[in-house]
Protein backbone atom coordinates (compact mmCIF):
# COMPACT_ATOMS: atom_id res chain seq x y z
CA MET A 1 83.66 269.95 56.40
CA ASN A 2 83.54 266.46 54.99
CA ARG A 3 82.87 265.46 51.41
CA GLN A 4 79.10 264.82 51.93
CA ASP A 5 78.63 268.20 53.50
CA MET A 6 80.59 269.81 50.65
CA LEU A 7 78.52 268.04 48.01
CA ALA A 8 75.33 268.96 49.75
CA GLY A 9 76.41 272.63 49.92
CA LEU A 10 77.27 272.62 46.11
CA VAL A 11 73.91 271.17 45.24
CA ALA A 12 72.15 273.67 47.37
CA GLN A 13 74.16 276.39 45.74
CA ALA A 14 73.20 275.08 42.27
CA ILE A 15 69.57 275.15 43.26
CA ASP A 16 69.74 278.66 44.75
CA THR A 17 71.86 280.42 42.22
CA GLY A 18 71.61 278.29 39.23
CA ALA A 19 74.01 275.71 38.00
CA ASP A 20 76.89 277.44 36.23
CA LEU A 21 79.75 275.45 34.63
CA VAL A 22 82.05 275.84 37.65
CA THR A 23 79.39 274.64 40.16
CA LEU A 24 78.51 271.65 37.90
CA ARG A 25 82.21 270.67 37.67
CA ALA A 26 82.64 271.02 41.37
CA ILE A 27 79.57 268.79 41.98
CA VAL A 28 80.89 266.23 39.59
CA GLU A 29 84.36 266.26 41.08
CA GLU A 30 83.09 266.01 44.75
CA SER A 31 80.58 263.26 43.87
CA SER A 32 83.32 261.34 42.03
CA GLU A 33 85.71 261.49 44.98
CA LEU A 34 82.94 260.53 47.37
CA GLY A 35 82.01 257.53 45.23
CA ALA A 36 85.63 256.51 44.96
CA GLU A 37 86.05 256.73 48.78
CA ARG A 38 82.93 254.59 49.24
CA VAL A 39 84.23 251.89 46.86
CA LEU A 40 87.70 251.81 48.52
CA ASP A 41 85.90 251.60 51.92
CA LYS A 42 83.76 248.63 50.73
CA LEU A 43 86.86 246.90 49.39
CA GLY A 44 88.67 247.49 52.66
CA LEU A 45 91.37 249.64 50.95
CA ASP A 46 90.64 252.83 52.79
CA ASP A 47 93.55 252.66 55.28
CA GLU A 48 97.08 253.90 55.06
CA GLY A 49 98.50 250.49 54.26
CA ALA A 50 96.30 250.04 51.26
CA HIS A 51 98.99 251.18 48.75
CA ASP A 52 101.31 248.52 50.17
CA ASP A 53 98.58 245.89 50.05
CA LEU A 54 97.95 246.63 46.37
CA ASP A 55 101.63 246.40 45.61
CA GLU A 56 101.82 243.09 47.34
CA LEU A 57 98.73 241.75 45.48
CA ARG A 58 100.39 242.84 42.16
CA ASP A 59 103.59 241.05 43.02
CA LEU A 60 101.65 237.91 44.04
CA LEU A 61 99.61 238.00 40.86
CA SER A 62 102.81 238.40 38.81
CA ALA A 63 104.45 235.47 40.66
CA TRP A 64 101.33 233.39 40.03
CA ARG A 65 101.48 234.09 36.30
CA ALA A 66 105.19 233.35 36.13
CA ALA A 67 104.66 230.01 38.01
CA LYS A 68 101.73 229.06 35.75
CA ALA A 69 103.76 229.71 32.61
CA SER A 70 106.77 227.86 34.02
CA ALA A 71 104.51 224.88 34.85
CA SER A 72 102.97 224.83 31.46
CA LYS A 73 106.37 224.93 29.87
CA ALA A 74 107.71 222.15 32.03
CA VAL A 75 104.60 219.87 31.15
CA ILE A 76 105.13 220.52 27.41
CA GLU A 77 108.82 219.66 27.74
CA TRP A 78 108.18 216.38 29.52
CA CYS A 79 105.50 215.46 26.96
CA VAL A 80 108.05 216.06 24.16
CA ARG A 81 110.77 214.18 25.94
CA GLY A 82 108.31 211.16 26.41
CA LEU A 83 107.30 211.22 22.74
CA MET A 84 111.00 211.37 21.69
CA ALA A 85 111.74 208.37 24.00
CA LEU A 86 108.84 206.41 22.45
CA LEU A 87 110.12 207.29 19.01
CA LEU A 88 113.58 206.10 19.86
CA ILE A 89 112.27 202.86 21.33
CA GLY A 90 110.15 202.33 18.16
CA ILE A 91 113.13 202.88 15.88
CA ALA A 92 115.28 200.52 18.05
CA VAL A 93 112.59 197.83 17.82
CA ARG A 94 112.22 198.36 14.07
CA ILE A 95 115.95 198.06 13.22
CA GLY A 96 116.18 194.87 15.41
CA VAL A 97 118.19 196.06 18.41
CA PRO A 98 116.45 193.54 20.78
CA GLU A 99 117.72 190.59 18.65
CA LEU A 100 121.26 192.07 18.84
CA LEU A 101 121.22 192.04 22.56
CA ARG A 102 120.36 188.29 22.88
């Protein structure tokens, strides 16, 4: 018996005998699991390798975030180094280093 048949049977039972709390909980549980299976099927994650695929995607996302943070840090470091070099050149010009080199 598949999940759809089980859910149909529970709904029929609820109609025939009245919906007690146990029947309602069973209907909710079966419909939730059926909905989750449909979502996984639509996403292409319904096979046995889906868990490995999700682990791989998490690793890839983690690596992307680390690379993005590293690249941002490197850009900031190079900007600071450039500004410091300009500052040193400005100080050197201001104190007259070019005239000393002539």
